[in-house]
Amino acid sequence: MTTSYDEEKLRQLTADMGHRVIRLNSLNDDLKSAIQSLGPDGWSGKTKGFMEEQFTKMDQDISDLGHKTQSVLKQVDQGRQDMFDLENKLTQTWI
């Protein structure tokens, strides 16, 4: 049982997810800095409050995505171990 293709594709997808999380964090920080640089005269209080609320939600979404990514990676590792164990059992059965 060879899973090298699947493992490589999984590595690529995992790396892509990681890069996206990093990029989202960077964009969120850039947007926060841009709003702060406008100062109190750049936004009405209501608009600034709304934007800050949206960024807080975005921060939480990014954090949740990071936690979900870690959970998926743990499941993948467990799946790999299960496949390795199964492959060993099958090999022992044939011997």
Protein backbone atom coordinates (compact mmCIF):
# COMPACT_ATOMS: atom_id res chain seq x y z
CA MET A 1 0.00 0.00 0.00
CA THR A 2 1.69 3.19 -1.17
CA THR A 3 0.26 6.56 -0.27
CA SER A 4 3.13 8.80 -1.33
CA TYR A 5 1.01 10.72 -3.85
CA ASP A 6 -1.73 11.32 -1.30
CA GLU A 7 0.80 12.33 1.34
CA GLU A 8 2.48 14.78 -1.05
CA LYS A 9 -0.85 16.29 -2.03
CA LEU A 10 -1.80 16.53 1.65
CA ARG A 11 1.51 18.25 2.46
CA GLN A 12 0.87 20.76 -0.32
CA LEU A 13 -2.68 21.45 0.88
CA THR A 14 -1.49 21.80 4.47
CA ALA A 15 1.24 24.23 3.45
CA ASP A 16 -1.28 26.19 1.40
CA MET A 17 -3.64 26.42 4.39
CA GLY A 18 -0.78 27.62 6.57
CA HIS A 19 0.20 30.28 4.05
CA ARG A 20 -3.39 31.47 3.84
CA VAL A 21 -3.68 31.80 7.61
CA ILE A 22 -0.43 33.79 7.71
CA ARG A 23 -1.64 36.00 4.84
CA LEU A 24 -5.00 36.62 6.55
CA ASN A 25 -3.20 37.64 9.73
CA SER A 26 -1.00 40.00 7.76
CA LEU A 27 -3.94 41.57 5.93
CA ASN A 28 -5.85 41.98 9.17
CA ASP A 29 -2.88 43.73 10.79
CA ASP A 30 -2.48 46.00 7.75
CA LEU A 31 -6.14 46.99 7.85
CA LYS A 32 -6.00 47.70 11.58
CA SER A 33 -2.94 49.90 11.08
CA ALA A 34 -4.63 51.75 8.24
CA ILE A 35 -7.68 52.52 10.37
CA GLN A 36 -5.55 53.61 13.33
CA SER A 37 -3.48 55.89 11.09
CA LEU A 38 -6.63 57.73 10.03
CA GLY A 39 -7.11 58.91 13.58
CA PRO A 40 -10.37 60.05 15.11
CA ASP A 41 -11.10 62.57 12.34
CA GLY A 42 -10.87 59.97 9.58
CA TRP A 43 -13.90 57.94 10.63
CA SER A 44 -17.12 58.73 12.34
CA GLY A 45 -17.36 57.03 15.73
CA LYS A 46 -20.08 54.70 14.46
CA THR A 47 -18.10 53.64 11.38
CA LYS A 48 -14.88 53.15 13.34
CA GLY A 49 -16.71 51.08 15.97
CA PHE A 50 -18.25 48.94 13.25
CA MET A 51 -14.87 48.42 11.57
CA GLU A 52 -13.19 47.52 14.86
CA GLU A 53 -15.96 45.01 15.53
CA GLN A 54 -15.43 43.46 12.11
CA PHE A 55 -11.68 43.17 12.71
CA THR A 56 -12.32 41.54 16.07
CA LYS A 57 -14.56 39.01 14.33
CA MET A 58 -11.90 38.49 11.66
CA ASP A 59 -9.29 37.86 14.36
CA GLN A 60 -11.55 35.22 15.88
CA ASP A 61 -12.19 33.62 12.48
CA ILE A 62 -8.45 33.45 11.82
CA SER A 63 -7.86 31.92 15.23
CA ASP A 64 -10.64 29.38 14.65
CA LEU A 65 -9.14 28.49 11.26
CA GLY A 66 -5.77 27.92 12.89
CA HIS A 67 -7.33 25.62 15.50
CA LYS A 68 -9.25 23.71 12.83
CA THR A 69 -6.06 23.34 10.78
CA GLN A 70 -4.27 21.89 13.82
CA SER A 71 -7.17 19.51 14.41
CA VAL A 72 -7.07 18.33 10.79
CA LEU A 73 -3.31 17.81 10.99
CA LYS A 74 -3.73 15.68 14.12
CA GLN A 75 -6.38 13.60 12.35
CA VAL A 76 -4.09 13.21 9.34
CA ASP A 77 -1.23 12.07 11.57
CA GLN A 78 -3.52 9.55 13.24
CA GLY A 79 -4.73 8.34 9.83
CA ARG A 80 -1.13 7.86 8.69
CA GLN A 81 -0.36 5.88 11.83
CA ASP A 82 -3.49 3.76 11.32
CA MET A 83 -2.48 3.04 7.71
CA PHE A 84 1.06 2.16 8.80
CA ASP A 85 -0.32 -0.21 11.45
CA LEU A 86 -2.69 -1.80 8.94
CA GLU A 87 0.09 -2.20 6.40
CA ASN A 88 2.25 -3.91 9.02
CA LYS A 89 -0.60 -6.27 9.97
CA LEU A 90 -1.19 -7.13 6.31
CA THR A 91 2.53 -7.73 5.78
CA GLN A 92 2.66 -10.01 8.81
CA THR A 93 -0.41 -11.88 7.59
CA TRP A 94 1.23 -12.60 4.24
CA ILE A 95 4.51 -13.74 5.78
